[in-house]
Amino acid sequence: MKISLSAPAGSVNGPETVTATASIDVGPTPYYIQIFNENGTLIQECGDFTVCSVTFFPSTSGSDLVAFIGNSPGYPPVSSNIQAGSNTVHTVQYFIT
């Protein structure tokens, strides 16, 4: 199993879409695609298909995000339950007035 995470490098005056893509459909498995921020907060969890997306507001100082395929909540998920981990994505909110 593999998982990758993508997001724009930054957004202007609003949210952006963050997308985790798994190499398998997690629907028929006991696993979930989980997206976390750098504080360990779960920002999205999906139990079906290969793609999991969420609308996210990055901070003005930047936010780091990571995704896992696992079956336990928390950050990081219990290591024995992690099936795959993604790359880390850094994104920033820009305000233009």
PDB file of N, CA and C in Angstrom:
ATOM      1  N   MET A   1       0.831  -1.184   0.000  1.00  0.00           N
ATOM      2  CA  MET A   1       0.000   0.000   0.000  1.00  0.00           C
ATOM      3  C   MET A   1       0.873   1.244   0.000  1.00  0.00           C
ATOM      4  N   LYS A   2       0.415   2.251  -0.706  1.00  0.00           N
ATOM      5  CA  LYS A   2       1.105   3.534  -0.737  1.00  0.00           C
ATOM      6  C   LYS A   2       0.070   4.638  -0.620  1.00  0.00           C
ATOM      7  N   ILE A   3       0.526   5.797  -0.140  1.00  0.00           N
ATOM      8  CA  ILE A   3      -0.340   6.970  -0.050  1.00  0.00           C
ATOM      9  C   ILE A   3       0.494   8.213  -0.334  1.00  0.00           C
ATOM     10  N   SER A   4      -0.095   9.160  -1.052  1.00  0.00           N
ATOM     11  CA  SER A   4       0.582  10.431  -1.316  1.00  0.00           C
ATOM     12  C   SER A   4      -0.378  11.559  -0.951  1.00  0.00           C
ATOM     13  N   LEU A   5       0.191  12.707  -0.661  1.00  0.00           N
ATOM     14  CA  LEU A   5      -0.584  13.873  -0.253  1.00  0.00           C
ATOM     15  C   LEU A   5      -0.213  15.041  -1.148  1.00  0.00           C
ATOM     16  N   SER A   6      -1.234  15.796  -1.583  1.00  0.00           N
ATOM     17  CA  SER A   6      -0.966  16.963  -2.416  1.00  0.00           C
ATOM     18  C   SER A   6      -1.809  18.136  -1.950  1.00  0.00           C
ATOM     19  N   ALA A   7      -1.247  19.319  -2.119  1.00  0.00           N
ATOM     20  CA  ALA A   7      -1.923  20.569  -1.787  1.00  0.00           C
ATOM     21  C   ALA A   7      -1.185  21.684  -2.499  1.00  0.00           C
ATOM     22  N   PRO A   8      -1.880  22.790  -2.808  1.00  0.00           N
ATOM     23  CA  PRO A   8      -1.170  23.938  -3.373  1.00  0.00           C
ATOM     24  C   PRO A   8      -0.124  24.442  -2.379  1.00  0.00           C
ATOM     25  N   ALA A   9       0.908  25.077  -2.862  1.00  0.00           N
ATOM     26  CA  ALA A   9       1.938  25.627  -1.976  1.00  0.00           C
ATOM     27  C   ALA A   9       1.376  26.721  -1.084  1.00  0.00           C
ATOM     28  N   GLY A  10       0.306  27.339  -1.532  1.00  0.00           N
ATOM     29  CA  GLY A  10      -0.325  28.386  -0.743  1.00  0.00           C
ATOM     30  C   GLY A  10      -1.642  28.791  -1.350  1.00  0.00           C
ATOM     31  N   SER A  11      -2.439  29.470  -0.552  1.00  0.00           N
ATOM     32  CA  SER A  11      -3.716  29.963  -1.052  1.00  0.00           C
ATOM     33  C   SER A  11      -3.832  31.436  -0.696  1.00  0.00           C
ATOM     34  N   VAL A  12      -4.625  32.151  -1.466  1.00  0.00           N
ATOM     35  CA  VAL A  12      -4.796  33.584  -1.255  1.00  0.00           C
ATOM     36  C   VAL A  12      -6.207  33.838  -0.766  1.00  0.00           C
ATOM     37  N   ASN A  13      -6.306  34.428   0.423  1.00  0.00           N
ATOM     38  CA  ASN A  13      -7.585  34.865   0.990  1.00  0.00           C
ATOM     39  C   ASN A  13      -8.630  33.760   1.087  1.00  0.00           C
ATOM     40  N   GLY A  14      -8.240  32.540   1.290  1.00  0.00           N
ATOM     41  CA  GLY A  14      -9.262  31.507   1.403  1.00  0.00           C
ATOM     42  C   GLY A  14      -8.704  30.120   1.565  1.00  0.00           C
ATOM     43  N   PRO A  15      -9.606  29.151   1.521  1.00  0.00           N
ATOM     44  CA  PRO A  15      -9.194  27.758   1.734  1.00  0.00           C
ATOM     45  C   PRO A  15      -8.582  27.154   0.485  1.00  0.00           C
ATOM     46  N   GLU A  16      -8.042  25.953   0.665  1.00  0.00           N
ATOM     47  CA  GLU A  16      -7.516  25.176  -0.437  1.00  0.00           C
ATOM     48  C   GLU A  16      -7.937  23.725  -0.251  1.00  0.00           C
ATOM     49  N   THR A  17      -7.831  22.963  -1.304  1.00  0.00           N
ATOM     50  CA  THR A  17      -8.174  21.550  -1.223  1.00  0.00           C
ATOM     51  C   THR A  17      -6.913  20.723  -1.061  1.00  0.00           C
ATOM     52  N   VAL A  18      -6.922  19.885  -0.028  1.00  0.00           N
ATOM     53  CA  VAL A  18      -5.827  18.961   0.246  1.00  0.00           C
ATOM     54  C   VAL A  18      -6.338  17.567  -0.112  1.00  0.00           C
ATOM     55  N   THR A  19      -5.534  16.800  -0.848  1.00  0.00           N
ATOM     56  CA  THR A  19      -5.983  15.500  -1.328  1.00  0.00           C
ATOM     57  C   THR A  19      -4.956  14.418  -1.026  1.00  0.00           C
ATOM     58  N   ALA A  20      -5.431  13.348  -0.380  1.00  0.00           N
ATOM     59  CA  ALA A  20      -4.615  12.152  -0.164  1.00  0.00           C
ATOM     60  C   ALA A  20      -5.091  11.090  -1.141  1.00  0.00           C
ATOM     61  N   THR A  21      -4.143  10.430  -1.787  1.00  0.00           N
ATOM     62  CA  THR A  21      -4.470   9.401  -2.764  1.00  0.00           C
ATOM     63  C   THR A  21      -3.779   8.096  -2.365  1.00  0.00           C
ATOM     64  N   ALA A  22      -4.583   7.056  -2.176  1.00  0.00           N
ATOM     65  CA  ALA A  22      -4.066   5.750  -1.783  1.00  0.00           C
ATOM     66  C   ALA A  22      -3.944   4.850  -3.009  1.00  0.00           C
ATOM     67  N   SER A  23      -3.082   3.863  -2.917  1.00  0.00           N
ATOM     68  CA  SER A  23      -2.885   2.934  -4.029  1.00  0.00           C
ATOM     69  C   SER A  23      -3.960   1.847  -4.073  1.00  0.00           C
ATOM     70  N   ILE A  24      -4.788   1.775  -3.034  1.00  0.00           N
ATOM     71  CA  ILE A  24      -5.873   0.785  -3.000  1.00  0.00           C
ATOM     72  C   ILE A  24      -7.160   1.462  -2.543  1.00  0.00           C
ATOM     73  N   ASP A  25      -8.282   0.845  -2.826  1.00  0.00           N
ATOM     74  CA  ASP A  25      -9.574   1.281  -2.303  1.00  0.00           C
ATOM     75  C   ASP A  25      -9.667   0.780  -0.865  1.00  0.00           C
ATOM     76  N   VAL A  26      -9.732   1.691   0.098  1.00  0.00           N
ATOM     77  CA  VAL A  26      -9.795   1.276   1.506  1.00  0.00           C
ATOM     78  C   VAL A  26     -11.183   0.788   1.905  1.00  0.00           C
ATOM     79  N   GLY A  27     -12.181   0.969   1.032  1.00  0.00           N
ATOM     80  CA  GLY A  27     -13.560   0.590   1.344  1.00  0.00           C
ATOM     81  C   GLY A  27     -13.737  -0.836   1.825  1.00  0.00           C
ATOM     82  N   PRO A  28     -13.178  -1.823   1.126  1.00  0.00           N
ATOM     83  CA  PRO A  28     -13.382  -3.205   1.578  1.00  0.00           C
ATOM     84  C   PRO A  28     -12.372  -3.661   2.638  1.00  0.00           C
ATOM     85  N   THR A  29     -11.631  -2.727   3.218  1.00  0.00           N
ATOM     86  CA  THR A  29     -10.626  -3.065   4.235  1.00  0.00           C
ATOM     87  C   THR A  29     -11.037  -2.449   5.570  1.00  0.00           C
ATOM     88  N   PRO A  30     -10.359  -2.799   6.650  1.00  0.00           N
ATOM     89  CA  PRO A  30     -10.644  -2.156   7.948  1.00  0.00           C
ATOM     90  C   PRO A  30      -9.917  -0.820   8.122  1.00  0.00           C
ATOM     91  N   TYR A  31      -9.285  -0.317   7.051  1.00  0.00           N
ATOM     92  CA  TYR A  31      -8.450   0.869   7.154  1.00  0.00           C
ATOM     93  C   TYR A  31      -9.141   2.128   6.643  1.00  0.00           C
ATOM     94  N   TYR A  32      -8.587   3.269   7.031  1.00  0.00           N
ATOM     95  CA  TYR A  32      -9.076   4.587   6.634  1.00  0.00           C
ATOM     96  C   TYR A  32      -7.922   5.395   6.075  1.00  0.00           C
ATOM     97  N   ILE A  33      -8.231   6.337   5.205  1.00  0.00           N
ATOM     98  CA  ILE A  33      -7.272   7.359   4.806  1.00  0.00           C
ATOM     99  C   ILE A  33      -7.463   8.497   5.797  1.00  0.00           C
ATOM    100  N   GLN A  34      -6.393   8.910   6.461  1.00  0.00           N
ATOM    101  CA  GLN A  34      -6.467   9.937   7.496  1.00  0.00           C
ATOM    102  C   GLN A  34      -5.495  11.064   7.181  1.00  0.00           C
ATOM    103  N   ILE A  35      -5.972  12.304   7.255  1.00  0.00           N
ATOM    104  CA  ILE A  35      -5.131  13.479   7.021  1.00  0.00           C
ATOM    105  C   ILE A  35      -5.029  14.253   8.330  1.00  0.00           C
ATOM    106  N   PHE A  36      -3.788  14.560   8.740  1.00  0.00           N
ATOM    107  CA  PHE A  36      -3.519  15.251   9.998  1.00  0.00           C
ATOM    108  C   PHE A  36      -2.747  16.543   9.749  1.00  0.00           C
ATOM    109  N   ASN A  37      -2.927  17.532  10.647  1.00  0.00           N
ATOM    110  CA  ASN A  37      -2.070  18.713  10.619  1.00  0.00           C
ATOM    111  C   ASN A  37      -0.899  18.499  11.576  1.00  0.00           C
ATOM    112  N   GLU A  38       0.004  19.486  11.629  1.00  0.00           N
ATOM    113  CA  GLU A  38       1.224  19.338  12.424  1.00  0.00           C
ATOM    114  C   GLU A  38       0.962  19.280  13.924  1.00  0.00           C
ATOM    115  N   ASN A  39      -0.219  19.675  14.365  1.00  0.00           N
ATOM    116  CA  ASN A  39      -0.569  19.600  15.788  1.00  0.00           C
ATOM    117  C   ASN A  39      -1.121  18.232  16.159  1.00  0.00           C
ATOM    118  N   GLY A  40      -1.230  17.344  15.182  1.00  0.00           N
ATOM    119  CA  GLY A  40      -1.771  16.017  15.440  1.00  0.00           C
ATOM    120  C   GLY A  40      -3.282  15.967  15.381  1.00  0.00           C
ATOM    121  N   THR A  41      -3.885  17.022  14.869  1.00  0.00           N
ATOM    122  CA  THR A  41      -5.334  17.066  14.761  1.00  0.00           C
ATOM    123  C   THR A  41      -5.775  16.377  13.475  1.00  0.00           C
ATOM    124  N   LEU A  42      -6.681  15.434  13.611  1.00  0.00           N
ATOM    125  CA  LEU A  42      -7.252  14.776  12.451  1.00  0.00           C
ATOM    126  C   LEU A  42      -8.158  15.767  11.748  1.00  0.00           C
ATOM    127  N   ILE A  43      -7.859  16.083  10.479  1.00  0.00           N
ATOM    128  CA  ILE A  43      -8.691  17.056   9.767  1.00  0.00           C
ATOM    129  C   ILE A  43      -9.617  16.388   8.754  1.00  0.00           C
ATOM    130  N   GLN A  44      -9.342  15.115   8.427  1.00  0.00           N
ATOM    131  CA  GLN A  44     -10.263  14.380   7.557  1.00  0.00           C
ATOM    132  C   GLN A  44      -9.964  12.894   7.661  1.00  0.00           C
ATOM    133  N   GLU A  45     -11.011  12.096   7.611  1.00  0.00           N
ATOM    134  CA  GLU A  45     -10.881  10.647   7.605  1.00  0.00           C
ATOM    135  C   GLU A  45     -11.893  10.098   6.612  1.00  0.00           C
ATOM    136  N   CYS A  46     -11.442   9.217   5.724  1.00  0.00           N
ATOM    137  CA  CYS A  46     -12.311   8.647   4.696  1.00  0.00           C
ATOM    138  C   CYS A  46     -12.192   7.129   4.735  1.00  0.00           C
ATOM    139  N   GLY A  47     -13.324   6.460   4.661  1.00  0.00           N
ATOM    140  CA  GLY A  47     -13.339   5.004   4.738  1.00  0.00           C
ATOM    141  C   GLY A  47     -13.670   4.305   3.441  1.00  0.00           C
ATOM    142  N   ASP A  48     -13.773   5.051   2.351  1.00  0.00           N
ATOM    143  CA  ASP A  48     -14.105   4.467   1.057  1.00  0.00           C
ATOM    144  C   ASP A  48     -13.211   5.035  -0.034  1.00  0.00           C
ATOM    145  N   PHE A  49     -13.041   4.266  -1.081  1.00  0.00           N
ATOM    146  CA  PHE A  49     -12.369   4.686  -2.309  1.00  0.00           C
ATOM    147  C   PHE A  49     -10.867   4.883  -2.130  1.00  0.00           C
ATOM    148  N   THR A  50     -10.231   5.544  -3.092  1.00  0.00           N
ATOM    149  CA  THR A  50      -8.777   5.742  -3.064  1.00  0.00           C
ATOM    150  C   THR A  50      -8.388   7.188  -2.820  1.00  0.00           C
ATOM    151  N   VAL A  51      -9.361   8.101  -2.848  1.00  0.00           N
ATOM    152  CA  VAL A  51      -9.067   9.525  -2.703  1.00  0.00           C
ATOM    153  C   VAL A  51      -9.831  10.100  -1.517  1.00  0.00           C
ATOM    154  N   CYS A  52      -9.152  10.920  -0.744  1.00  0.00           N
ATOM    155  CA  CYS A  52      -9.747  11.595   0.407  1.00  0.00           C
ATOM    156  C   CYS A  52      -9.337  13.065   0.332  1.00  0.00           C
ATOM    157  N   SER A  53     -10.317  13.963   0.261  1.00  0.00           N
ATOM    158  CA  SER A  53     -10.031  15.401   0.142  1.00  0.00           C
ATOM    159  C   SER A  53     -10.705  16.170   1.262  1.00  0.00           C
ATOM    160  N   VAL A  54     -10.126  17.314   1.571  1.00  0.00           N
ATOM    161  CA  VAL A  54     -10.684  18.190   2.594  1.00  0.00           C
ATOM    162  C   VAL A  54     -10.365  19.634   2.229  1.00  0.00           C
ATOM    163  N   THR A  55     -11.292  20.528   2.549  1.00  0.00           N
ATOM    164  CA  THR A  55     -11.041  21.960   2.404  1.00  0.00           C
ATOM    165  C   THR A  55     -10.334  22.414   3.666  1.00  0.00           C
ATOM    166  N   PHE A  56      -9.197  23.064   3.510  1.00  0.00           N
ATOM    167  CA  PHE A  56      -8.330  23.392   4.647  1.00  0.00           C
ATOM    168  C   PHE A  56      -7.874  24.839   4.563  1.00  0.00           C
ATOM    169  N   PHE A  57      -7.850  25.507   5.702  1.00  0.00           N
ATOM    170  CA  PHE A  57      -7.323  26.874   5.813  1.00  0.00           C
ATOM    171  C   PHE A  57      -5.940  26.805   6.454  1.00  0.00           C
ATOM    172  N   PRO A  58      -4.869  26.916   5.690  1.00  0.00           N
ATOM    173  CA  PRO A  58      -3.533  26.912   6.291  1.00  0.00           C
ATOM    174  C   PRO A  58      -3.309  28.190   7.098  1.00  0.00           C
ATOM    175  N   SER A  59      -2.358  28.144   8.003  1.00  0.00           N
ATOM    176  CA  SER A  59      -2.046  29.341   8.790  1.00  0.00           C
ATOM    177  C   SER A  59      -1.161  30.283   7.974  1.00  0.00           C
ATOM    178  N   THR A  60      -1.061  31.519   8.406  1.00  0.00           N
ATOM    179  CA  THR A  60      -0.215  32.483   7.708  1.00  0.00           C
ATOM    180  C   THR A  60       1.267  32.190   7.913  1.00  0.00           C
ATOM    181  N   SER A  61       1.593  31.431   8.949  1.00  0.00           N
ATOM    182  CA  SER A  61       2.992  31.041   9.155  1.00  0.00           C
ATOM    183  C   SER A  61       3.296  29.693   8.491  1.00  0.00           C
ATOM    184  N   GLY A  62       2.275  29.064   7.957  1.00  0.00           N
ATOM    185  CA  GLY A  62       2.452  27.792   7.263  1.00  0.00           C
ATOM    186  C   GLY A  62       1.924  26.624   8.071  1.00  0.00           C
ATOM    187  N   SER A  63       1.448  25.629   7.367  1.00  0.00           N
ATOM    188  CA  SER A  63       0.935  24.414   7.989  1.00  0.00           C
ATOM    189  C   SER A  63       1.572  23.209   7.312  1.00  0.00           C
ATOM    190  N   ASP A  64       1.932  22.231   8.123  1.00  0.00           N
ATOM    191  CA  ASP A  64       2.456  20.969   7.610  1.00  0.00           C
ATOM    192  C   ASP A  64       1.380  19.910   7.766  1.00  0.00           C
ATOM    193  N   LEU A  65       1.153  19.147   6.722  1.00  0.00           N
ATOM    194  CA  LEU A  65       0.129  18.112   6.724  1.00  0.00           C
ATOM    195  C   LEU A  65       0.746  16.777   6.329  1.00  0.00           C
ATOM    196  N   VAL A  66       0.151  15.696   6.823  1.00  0.00           N
ATOM    197  CA  VAL A  66       0.610  14.349   6.494  1.00  0.00           C
ATOM    198  C   VAL A  66      -0.608  13.434   6.462  1.00  0.00           C
ATOM    199  N   ALA A  67      -0.533  12.364   5.688  1.00  0.00           N
ATOM    200  CA  ALA A  67      -1.638  11.408   5.596  1.00  0.00           C
ATOM    201  C   ALA A  67      -1.124  10.000   5.904  1.00  0.00           C
ATOM    202  N   PHE A  68      -2.034   9.180   6.420  1.00  0.00           N
ATOM    203  CA  PHE A  68      -1.734   7.785   6.716  1.00  0.00           C
ATOM    204  C   PHE A  68      -2.869   6.909   6.214  1.00  0.00           C
ATOM    205  N   ILE A  69      -2.557   5.657   5.970  1.00  0.00           N
ATOM    206  CA  ILE A  69      -3.570   4.624   5.873  1.00  0.00           C
ATOM    207  C   ILE A  69      -3.437   3.841   7.171  1.00  0.00           C
ATOM    208  N   GLY A  70      -4.483   3.851   7.970  1.00  0.00           N
ATOM    209  CA  GLY A  70      -4.446   3.174   9.263  1.00  0.00           C
ATOM    210  C   GLY A  70      -5.847   2.892   9.756  1.00  0.00           C
ATOM    211  N   ASN A  71      -5.938   2.234  10.918  1.00  0.00           N
ATOM    212  CA  ASN A  71      -7.257   1.942  11.449  1.00  0.00           C
ATOM    213  C   ASN A  71      -7.450   2.381  12.892  1.00  0.00           C
ATOM    214  N   SER A  72      -6.635   3.332  13.324  1.00  0.00           N
ATOM    215  CA  SER A  72      -6.847   3.868  14.665  1.00  0.00           C
ATOM    216  C   SER A  72      -6.679   5.377  14.628  1.00  0.00           C
ATOM    217  N   PRO A  73      -7.564   6.116  15.292  1.00  0.00           N
ATOM    218  CA  PRO A  73      -7.426   7.571  15.319  1.00  0.00           C
ATOM    219  C   PRO A  73      -6.261   7.994  16.217  1.00  0.00           C
ATOM    220  N   GLY A  74      -5.870   9.243  16.107  1.00  0.00           N
ATOM    221  CA  GLY A  74      -4.764   9.769  16.905  1.00  0.00           C
ATOM    222  C   GLY A  74      -3.569  10.038  16.023  1.00  0.00           C
ATOM    223  N   TYR A  75      -2.632  10.833  16.531  1.00  0.00           N
ATOM    224  CA  TYR A  75      -1.466  11.192  15.748  1.00  0.00           C
ATOM    225  C   TYR A  75      -0.209  10.895  16.533  1.00  0.00           C
ATOM    226  N   PRO A  76       0.717  10.183  15.976  1.00  0.00           N
ATOM    227  CA  PRO A  76       0.439   9.402  14.775  1.00  0.00           C
ATOM    228  C   PRO A  76      -0.441   8.229  15.141  1.00  0.00           C
ATOM    229  N   PRO A  77      -1.092   7.624  14.174  1.00  0.00           N
ATOM    230  CA  PRO A  77      -1.865   6.431  14.493  1.00  0.00           C
ATOM    231  C   PRO A  77      -0.946   5.397  15.135  1.00  0.00           C
ATOM    232  N   VAL A  78      -1.504   4.497  15.905  1.00  0.00           N
ATOM    233  CA  VAL A  78      -0.706   3.458  16.551  1.00  0.00           C
ATOM    234  C   VAL A  78       0.146   2.781  15.485  1.00  0.00           C
ATOM    235  N   SER A  79       1.455   2.755  15.706  1.00  0.00           N
ATOM    236  CA  SER A  79       2.384   2.318  14.658  1.00  0.00           C
ATOM    237  C   SER A  79       2.057   0.932  14.113  1.00  0.00           C
ATOM    238  N   SER A  80       1.541   0.050  14.953  1.00  0.00           N
ATOM    239  CA  SER A  80       1.225  -1.291  14.462  1.00  0.00           C
ATOM    240  C   SER A  80       0.023  -1.285  13.528  1.00  0.00           C
ATOM    241  N   ASN A  81      -0.735  -0.184  13.509  1.00  0.00           N
ATOM    242  CA  ASN A  81      -1.906  -0.092  12.648  1.00  0.00           C
ATOM    243  C   ASN A  81      -1.673   0.757  11.399  1.00  0.00           C
ATOM    244  N   ILE A  82      -0.492   1.354  11.263  1.00  0.00           N
ATOM    245  CA  ILE A  82      -0.179   2.150  10.077  1.00  0.00           C
ATOM    246  C   ILE A  82       0.199   1.211   8.940  1.00  0.00           C
ATOM    247  N   GLN A  83      -0.502   1.345   7.844  1.00  0.00           N
ATOM    248  CA  GLN A  83      -0.191   0.543   6.667  1.00  0.00           C
ATOM    249  C   GLN A  83       0.671   1.322   5.675  1.00  0.00           C
ATOM    250  N   ALA A  84       0.553   2.664   5.697  1.00  0.00           N
ATOM    251  CA  ALA A  84       1.350   3.516   4.808  1.00  0.00           C
ATOM    252  C   ALA A  84       1.322   4.942   5.336  1.00  0.00           C
ATOM    253  N   GLY A  85       2.390   5.685   5.087  1.00  0.00           N
ATOM    254  CA  GLY A  85       2.488   7.098   5.444  1.00  0.00           C
ATOM    255  C   GLY A  85       2.878   7.909   4.223  1.00  0.00           C
ATOM    256  N   SER A  86       2.360   9.134   4.154  1.00  0.00           N
ATOM    257  CA  SER A  86       2.613   9.976   2.981  1.00  0.00           C
ATOM    258  C   SER A  86       3.806  10.885   3.195  1.00  0.00           C
ATOM    259  N   ASN A  87       4.088  11.619   2.151  1.00  0.00           N
ATOM    260  CA  ASN A  87       5.003  12.746   2.211  1.00  0.00           C
ATOM    261  C   ASN A  87       4.368  13.842   3.072  1.00  0.00           C
ATOM    262  N   THR A  88       5.179  14.767   3.560  1.00  0.00           N
ATOM    263  CA  THR A  88       4.673  15.932   4.283  1.00  0.00           C
ATOM    264  C   THR A  88       4.493  17.068   3.292  1.00  0.00           C
ATOM    265  N   VAL A  89       3.373  17.778   3.414  1.00  0.00           N
ATOM    266  CA  VAL A  89       3.076  18.911   2.545  1.00  0.00           C
ATOM    267  C   VAL A  89       3.064  20.172   3.391  1.00  0.00           C
ATOM    268  N   HIS A  90       3.751  21.216   2.936  1.00  0.00           N
ATOM    269  CA  HIS A  90       3.765  22.511   3.624  1.00  0.00           C
ATOM    270  C   HIS A  90       2.986  23.505   2.771  1.00  0.00           C
ATOM    271  N   THR A  91       2.051  24.184   3.392  1.00  0.00           N
ATOM    272  CA  THR A  91       1.232  25.154   2.669  1.00  0.00           C
ATOM    273  C   THR A  91       1.016  26.397   3.530  1.00  0.00           C
ATOM    274  N   VAL A  92       0.797  27.541   2.889  1.00  0.00           N
ATOM    275  CA  VAL A  92       0.729  28.835   3.579  1.00  0.00           C
ATOM    276  C   VAL A  92      -0.499  29.606   3.103  1.00  0.00           C
ATOM    277  N   GLN A  93      -1.113  30.357   4.004  1.00  0.00           N
ATOM    278  CA  GLN A  93      -2.229  31.254   3.670  1.00  0.00           C
ATOM    279  C   GLN A  93      -1.674  32.662   3.454  1.00  0.00           C
ATOM    280  N   TYR A  94      -1.965  33.237   2.306  1.00  0.00           N
ATOM    281  CA  TYR A  94      -1.556  34.602   1.990  1.00  0.00           C
ATOM    282  C   TYR A  94      -2.775  35.484   1.968  1.00  0.00           C
ATOM    283  N   PHE A  95      -2.660  36.650   2.544  1.00  0.00           N
ATOM    284  CA  PHE A  95      -3.777  37.597   2.501  1.00  0.00           C
ATOM    285  C   PHE A  95      -3.387  38.801   1.654  1.00  0.00           C
ATOM    286  N   ILE A  96      -4.217  39.090   0.688  1.00  0.00           N
ATOM    287  CA  ILE A  96      -4.020  40.257  -0.176  1.00  0.00           C
ATOM    288  C   ILE A  96      -5.249  41.136  -0.014  1.00  0.00           C
ATOM    289  N   THR A  97      -5.021  42.376   0.341  1.00  0.00           N
ATOM    290  CA  THR A  97      -6.151  43.278   0.540  1.00  0.00           C
ATOM    291  C   THR A  97      -6.243  44.282  -0.564  1.00  0.00           C
TER     292      THR A  97
END
